[in-house]
Amino acid sequence: MPRPSDAQVKIEKAAKLVMEAVPALDRHPGAFIKEVLLPAWGLSVAQAARSIGVDRAGFHNTLAGKYDVSRDLAYRLGALMTDDVADLLIAYQHAFDLAKERDRRDAFKAQIVRVSAPVRD
């Protein structure tokens, strides 16, 4: 399945998030928050951090890709913006993590012989 471009991720009237799929996985979900979500709602990093009750420096580090987008942070941003934002960020972080670990999974698959699937009666 091809990954959508930023053009396919649209925010209309800063109140409705329209998603066809999770944004491209080559960027950390924090970058999506910083580059797409905050501007769409007219928020600075400091304003958003203050509004959701988190430390600005820690929030900045998440936006810079140093920390994962936690469920707690996703829920807080969802409460601030819309529930769809929380759901999107949780799905995005999960998909990003899986993509990041794909090589590691493939290395294990190359080392371990897979057993046959069980036969059901």
N, C-alpha and C. Protein backbone atom coordinates (compact mmCIF):
# COMPACT_ATOMS: atom_id res chain seq x y z
N MET A 1 0.84 -1.17 0.00
CA MET A 1 0.00 0.00 0.00
C MET A 1 0.89 1.24 0.00
N PRO A 2 0.73 2.13 -0.94
CA PRO A 2 1.57 3.34 -0.97
C PRO A 2 1.27 4.25 0.21
N ARG A 3 2.31 4.92 0.64
CA ARG A 3 2.15 5.85 1.76
C ARG A 3 1.65 7.19 1.24
N PRO A 4 0.73 7.81 1.96
CA PRO A 4 0.19 9.09 1.50
C PRO A 4 1.20 10.22 1.67
N SER A 5 1.07 11.21 0.84
CA SER A 5 1.90 12.40 0.97
C SER A 5 1.23 13.37 1.95
N ASP A 6 1.95 14.41 2.32
CA ASP A 6 1.37 15.43 3.21
C ASP A 6 0.14 16.07 2.59
N ALA A 7 0.09 16.11 1.26
CA ALA A 7 -1.06 16.71 0.59
C ALA A 7 -2.34 15.92 0.83
N GLN A 8 -2.19 14.63 1.14
CA GLN A 8 -3.36 13.79 1.39
C GLN A 8 -3.85 13.92 2.83
N VAL A 9 -3.06 14.54 3.67
CA VAL A 9 -3.43 14.76 5.07
C VAL A 9 -3.93 16.19 5.15
N LYS A 10 -5.22 16.36 5.31
CA LYS A 10 -5.81 17.69 5.25
C LYS A 10 -6.48 18.06 6.55
N ILE A 11 -6.35 19.30 6.92
CA ILE A 11 -7.08 19.82 8.07
C ILE A 11 -7.91 20.98 7.54
N GLU A 12 -9.20 20.86 7.68
CA GLU A 12 -10.09 21.89 7.18
C GLU A 12 -10.69 22.66 8.36
N LYS A 13 -10.61 23.97 8.29
CA LYS A 13 -11.21 24.87 9.28
C LYS A 13 -10.71 24.61 10.69
N ALA A 14 -9.54 24.00 10.82
CA ALA A 14 -8.90 23.73 12.11
C ALA A 14 -9.83 23.08 13.12
N ALA A 15 -10.92 22.51 12.67
CA ALA A 15 -11.83 21.85 13.60
C ALA A 15 -12.11 20.42 13.17
N LYS A 16 -11.80 20.09 11.94
CA LYS A 16 -12.11 18.76 11.43
C LYS A 16 -10.86 18.16 10.79
N LEU A 17 -10.43 17.06 11.31
CA LEU A 17 -9.26 16.38 10.77
C LEU A 17 -9.73 15.31 9.80
N VAL A 18 -9.27 15.39 8.56
CA VAL A 18 -9.67 14.42 7.55
C VAL A 18 -8.45 13.61 7.17
N MET A 19 -8.52 12.31 7.47
CA MET A 19 -7.37 11.45 7.21
C MET A 19 -7.76 10.31 6.27
N GLU A 20 -6.98 10.07 5.25
CA GLU A 20 -7.18 8.89 4.40
C GLU A 20 -6.33 7.74 4.91
N ALA A 21 -5.21 8.03 5.54
CA ALA A 21 -4.32 7.01 6.08
C ALA A 21 -3.31 7.69 6.99
N VAL A 22 -2.53 6.88 7.68
CA VAL A 22 -1.48 7.43 8.54
C VAL A 22 -0.48 8.16 7.65
N PRO A 23 0.01 9.33 8.07
CA PRO A 23 1.00 10.07 7.26
C PRO A 23 2.25 9.23 6.98
N ALA A 24 3.07 9.70 6.07
CA ALA A 24 4.29 8.99 5.68
C ALA A 24 5.12 8.63 6.90
N LEU A 25 5.65 7.40 6.91
CA LEU A 25 6.36 6.90 8.08
C LEU A 25 7.84 7.25 8.07
N ASP A 26 8.28 8.05 7.13
CA ASP A 26 9.68 8.45 7.13
C ASP A 26 9.95 9.62 8.08
N ARG A 27 8.90 10.15 8.66
CA ARG A 27 9.03 11.24 9.64
C ARG A 27 8.48 10.78 10.98
N HIS A 28 9.10 11.23 12.03
CA HIS A 28 8.64 10.94 13.39
C HIS A 28 7.27 11.59 13.60
N PRO A 29 6.38 10.95 14.36
CA PRO A 29 5.06 11.54 14.61
C PRO A 29 5.13 12.93 15.26
N GLY A 30 6.19 13.19 16.01
CA GLY A 30 6.35 14.51 16.61
C GLY A 30 6.49 15.60 15.56
N ALA A 31 7.15 15.28 14.45
CA ALA A 31 7.29 16.25 13.36
C ALA A 31 5.92 16.57 12.76
N PHE A 32 5.05 15.57 12.68
CA PHE A 32 3.70 15.80 12.18
C PHE A 32 2.94 16.75 13.10
N ILE A 33 3.10 16.57 14.39
CA ILE A 33 2.45 17.48 15.34
C ILE A 33 2.94 18.91 15.12
N LYS A 34 4.26 19.04 15.04
CA LYS A 34 4.87 20.37 14.91
C LYS A 34 4.57 21.03 13.57
N GLU A 35 4.64 20.27 12.49
CA GLU A 35 4.54 20.85 11.15
C GLU A 35 3.11 20.93 10.61
N VAL A 36 2.21 20.08 11.12
CA VAL A 36 0.86 20.04 10.57
C VAL A 36 -0.19 20.44 11.62
N LEU A 37 -0.20 19.74 12.73
CA LEU A 37 -1.28 19.96 13.70
C LEU A 37 -1.23 21.32 14.39
N LEU A 38 -0.08 21.66 14.96
CA LEU A 38 0.00 22.94 15.69
C LEU A 38 -0.32 24.14 14.79
N PRO A 39 0.27 24.22 13.59
CA PRO A 39 -0.08 25.35 12.73
C PRO A 39 -1.56 25.37 12.34
N ALA A 40 -2.14 24.20 12.12
CA ALA A 40 -3.56 24.15 11.72
C ALA A 40 -4.46 24.73 12.80
N TRP A 41 -4.09 24.54 14.04
CA TRP A 41 -4.88 25.08 15.15
C TRP A 41 -4.35 26.42 15.63
N GLY A 42 -3.33 26.95 14.94
CA GLY A 42 -2.79 28.26 15.30
C GLY A 42 -2.09 28.28 16.64
N LEU A 43 -1.41 27.19 16.98
CA LEU A 43 -0.74 27.09 18.28
C LEU A 43 0.77 27.05 18.13
N SER A 44 1.44 27.70 19.05
CA SER A 44 2.89 27.56 19.14
C SER A 44 3.18 26.37 20.04
N VAL A 45 4.42 25.94 20.06
CA VAL A 45 4.82 24.83 20.94
C VAL A 45 4.54 25.20 22.39
N ALA A 46 4.91 26.41 22.78
CA ALA A 46 4.72 26.85 24.17
C ALA A 46 3.22 26.92 24.52
N GLN A 47 2.41 27.46 23.62
CA GLN A 47 0.96 27.55 23.88
C GLN A 47 0.35 26.16 24.05
N ALA A 48 0.70 25.24 23.15
CA ALA A 48 0.15 23.89 23.22
C ALA A 48 0.59 23.21 24.51
N ALA A 49 1.87 23.31 24.84
CA ALA A 49 2.38 22.67 26.06
C ALA A 49 1.66 23.22 27.30
N ARG A 50 1.50 24.52 27.34
CA ARG A 50 0.81 25.15 28.47
C ARG A 50 -0.66 24.70 28.53
N SER A 51 -1.31 24.64 27.39
CA SER A 51 -2.73 24.27 27.34
C SER A 51 -3.00 22.84 27.76
N ILE A 52 -2.05 21.94 27.48
CA ILE A 52 -2.27 20.53 27.83
C ILE A 52 -1.56 20.13 29.12
N GLY A 53 -0.87 21.07 29.74
CA GLY A 53 -0.27 20.82 31.04
C GLY A 53 0.98 19.95 31.02
N VAL A 54 1.83 20.15 29.99
CA VAL A 54 3.09 19.41 29.93
C VAL A 54 4.26 20.39 29.89
N ASP A 55 5.42 19.88 30.24
CA ASP A 55 6.65 20.67 30.22
C ASP A 55 7.01 21.03 28.78
N ARG A 56 7.25 22.31 28.52
CA ARG A 56 7.55 22.76 27.16
C ARG A 56 8.80 22.09 26.61
N ALA A 57 9.83 21.94 27.42
CA ALA A 57 11.08 21.34 26.94
C ALA A 57 10.87 19.87 26.56
N GLY A 58 10.14 19.14 27.37
CA GLY A 58 9.86 17.74 27.05
C GLY A 58 9.00 17.62 25.81
N PHE A 59 8.03 18.51 25.68
CA PHE A 59 7.15 18.52 24.51
C PHE A 59 7.98 18.82 23.26
N HIS A 60 8.87 19.79 23.36
CA HIS A 60 9.75 20.13 22.24
C HIS A 60 10.60 18.92 21.84
N ASN A 61 11.11 18.17 22.82
CA ASN A 61 11.92 16.99 22.51
C ASN A 61 11.10 15.92 21.80
N THR A 62 9.83 15.80 22.14
CA THR A 62 8.96 14.87 21.41
C THR A 62 8.77 15.34 19.98
N LEU A 63 8.54 16.63 19.80
CA LEU A 63 8.35 17.18 18.46
C LEU A 63 9.62 17.05 17.62
N ALA A 64 10.77 17.03 18.28
CA ALA A 64 12.05 16.89 17.59
C ALA A 64 12.40 15.42 17.32
N GLY A 65 11.57 14.50 17.78
CA GLY A 65 11.80 13.08 17.52
C GLY A 65 12.68 12.38 18.54
N LYS A 66 13.01 13.07 19.64
CA LYS A 66 13.84 12.45 20.67
C LYS A 66 13.05 11.51 21.57
N TYR A 67 11.76 11.76 21.72
CA TYR A 67 10.87 10.92 22.52
C TYR A 67 9.71 10.46 21.65
N ASP A 68 9.16 9.30 21.99
CA ASP A 68 7.95 8.83 21.31
C ASP A 68 6.76 9.69 21.72
N VAL A 69 5.72 9.68 20.89
CA VAL A 69 4.46 10.32 21.24
C VAL A 69 3.72 9.31 22.12
N SER A 70 3.65 9.61 23.40
CA SER A 70 3.01 8.69 24.35
C SER A 70 1.49 8.75 24.19
N ARG A 71 0.82 7.72 24.69
CA ARG A 71 -0.64 7.74 24.67
C ARG A 71 -1.16 8.92 25.50
N ASP A 72 -0.50 9.19 26.61
CA ASP A 72 -0.91 10.31 27.45
C ASP A 72 -0.86 11.62 26.67
N LEU A 73 0.23 11.83 25.95
CA LEU A 73 0.36 13.05 25.15
C LEU A 73 -0.70 13.07 24.04
N ALA A 74 -0.92 11.93 23.39
CA ALA A 74 -1.94 11.86 22.34
C ALA A 74 -3.32 12.21 22.90
N TYR A 75 -3.65 11.67 24.08
CA TYR A 75 -4.95 11.96 24.69
C TYR A 75 -5.08 13.43 25.06
N ARG A 76 -4.00 14.01 25.55
CA ARG A 76 -4.02 15.44 25.91
C ARG A 76 -4.24 16.31 24.66
N LEU A 77 -3.51 15.99 23.58
CA LEU A 77 -3.70 16.75 22.34
C LEU A 77 -5.08 16.51 21.77
N GLY A 78 -5.60 15.31 21.91
CA GLY A 78 -6.96 15.02 21.48
C GLY A 78 -7.98 15.83 22.25
N ALA A 79 -7.76 15.97 23.56
CA ALA A 79 -8.66 16.77 24.38
C ALA A 79 -8.61 18.24 23.96
N LEU A 80 -7.43 18.70 23.57
CA LEU A 80 -7.25 20.08 23.14
C LEU A 80 -7.85 20.33 21.76
N MET A 81 -7.67 19.38 20.85
CA MET A 81 -8.07 19.58 19.45
C MET A 81 -9.35 18.82 19.11
N THR A 82 -9.23 17.52 18.95
CA THR A 82 -10.38 16.65 18.65
C THR A 82 -9.95 15.21 18.93
N ASP A 83 -10.90 14.37 19.28
CA ASP A 83 -10.59 12.97 19.59
C ASP A 83 -9.90 12.26 18.44
N ASP A 84 -10.21 12.66 17.22
CA ASP A 84 -9.57 12.05 16.05
C ASP A 84 -8.06 12.25 16.07
N VAL A 85 -7.61 13.35 16.63
CA VAL A 85 -6.17 13.61 16.72
C VAL A 85 -5.52 12.58 17.63
N ALA A 86 -6.12 12.26 18.75
CA ALA A 86 -5.56 11.26 19.66
C ALA A 86 -5.47 9.91 18.97
N ASP A 87 -6.55 9.51 18.31
CA ASP A 87 -6.55 8.22 17.61
C ASP A 87 -5.49 8.17 16.52
N LEU A 88 -5.38 9.25 15.76
CA LEU A 88 -4.38 9.33 14.70
C LEU A 88 -2.97 9.21 15.26
N LEU A 89 -2.67 9.97 16.31
CA LEU A 89 -1.31 9.97 16.85
C LEU A 89 -0.92 8.61 17.43
N ILE A 90 -1.87 7.93 18.06
CA ILE A 90 -1.58 6.60 18.60
C ILE A 90 -1.29 5.63 17.45
N ALA A 91 -2.12 5.67 16.41
CA ALA A 91 -1.91 4.80 15.25
C ALA A 91 -0.61 5.14 14.53
N TYR A 92 -0.32 6.42 14.40
CA TYR A 92 0.89 6.87 13.72
C TYR A 92 2.13 6.39 14.47
N GLN A 93 2.16 6.57 15.79
CA GLN A 93 3.32 6.15 16.57
C GLN A 93 3.52 4.64 16.45
N HIS A 94 2.42 3.89 16.51
CA HIS A 94 2.52 2.43 16.40
C HIS A 94 3.08 2.02 15.03
N ALA A 95 2.54 2.60 13.96
CA ALA A 95 3.01 2.29 12.61
C ALA A 95 4.47 2.71 12.43
N PHE A 96 4.84 3.85 12.98
CA PHE A 96 6.22 4.34 12.90
C PHE A 96 7.17 3.36 13.60
N ASP A 97 6.77 2.88 14.78
CA ASP A 97 7.59 1.92 15.53
C ASP A 97 7.76 0.62 14.76
N LEU A 98 6.68 0.12 14.17
CA LEU A 98 6.77 -1.12 13.39
C LEU A 98 7.70 -0.95 12.19
N ALA A 99 7.59 0.16 11.50
CA ALA A 99 8.44 0.41 10.34
C ALA A 99 9.90 0.51 10.75
N LYS A 100 10.15 1.14 11.88
CA LYS A 100 11.51 1.33 12.38
C LYS A 100 12.15 -0.02 12.76
N GLU A 101 11.32 -0.95 13.22
CA GLU A 101 11.82 -2.25 13.69
C GLU A 101 11.80 -3.32 12.61
N ARG A 102 11.36 -3.01 11.42
CA ARG A 102 11.23 -4.02 10.36
C ARG A 102 12.55 -4.76 10.10
N ASP A 103 13.66 -4.07 10.05
CA ASP A 103 14.95 -4.71 9.80
C ASP A 103 15.31 -5.68 10.93
N ARG A 104 15.01 -5.30 12.13
CA ARG A 104 15.30 -6.16 13.29
C ARG A 104 14.48 -7.44 13.20
N ARG A 105 13.20 -7.32 12.86
CA ARG A 105 12.33 -8.48 12.71
C ARG A 105 12.86 -9.38 11.59
N ASP A 106 13.26 -8.80 10.49
CA ASP A 106 13.77 -9.58 9.37
C ASP A 106 15.06 -10.31 9.73
N ALA A 107 15.89 -9.69 10.58
CA ALA A 107 17.13 -10.35 11.02
C ALA A 107 16.81 -11.60 11.83
N PHE A 108 15.82 -11.54 12.69
CA PHE A 108 15.42 -12.73 13.45
C PHE A 108 14.87 -13.80 12.53
N LYS A 109 14.07 -13.39 11.56
CA LYS A 109 13.48 -14.35 10.62
C LYS A 109 14.56 -15.06 9.81
N ALA A 110 15.67 -14.38 9.54
CA ALA A 110 16.77 -14.98 8.80
C ALA A 110 17.53 -16.00 9.64
N GLN A 111 17.48 -15.88 10.96
CA GLN A 111 18.24 -16.75 11.86
C GLN A 111 17.43 -17.93 12.38
N ILE A 112 16.12 -17.83 12.38
CA ILE A 112 15.27 -18.83 13.02
C ILE A 112 14.44 -19.54 11.95
N VAL A 113 14.46 -20.87 12.01
CA VAL A 113 13.67 -21.65 11.08
C VAL A 113 12.23 -21.69 11.57
N ARG A 114 11.32 -21.28 10.74
CA ARG A 114 9.91 -21.23 11.10
C ARG A 114 9.32 -22.64 11.10
N VAL A 115 8.51 -22.93 12.10
CA VAL A 115 7.81 -24.22 12.16
C VAL A 115 6.56 -24.18 11.31
N SER A 116 6.09 -25.34 10.93
CA SER A 116 4.85 -25.42 10.15
C SER A 116 3.67 -25.01 11.01
N ALA A 117 2.67 -24.45 10.38
CA ALA A 117 1.47 -24.05 11.10
C ALA A 117 0.76 -25.31 11.60
N PRO A 118 0.12 -25.23 12.76
CA PRO A 118 -0.58 -26.41 13.29
C PRO A 118 -1.73 -26.80 12.37
N VAL A 119 -1.96 -28.10 12.31
CA VAL A 119 -3.07 -28.63 11.50
C VAL A 119 -4.29 -28.71 12.38
N ARG A 120 -5.38 -28.17 11.91
CA ARG A 120 -6.62 -28.20 12.66
C ARG A 120 -7.48 -29.36 12.17
N ASP A 121 -8.13 -30.01 13.11
CA ASP A 121 -9.03 -31.12 12.76
C ASP A 121 -10.33 -30.65 12.21
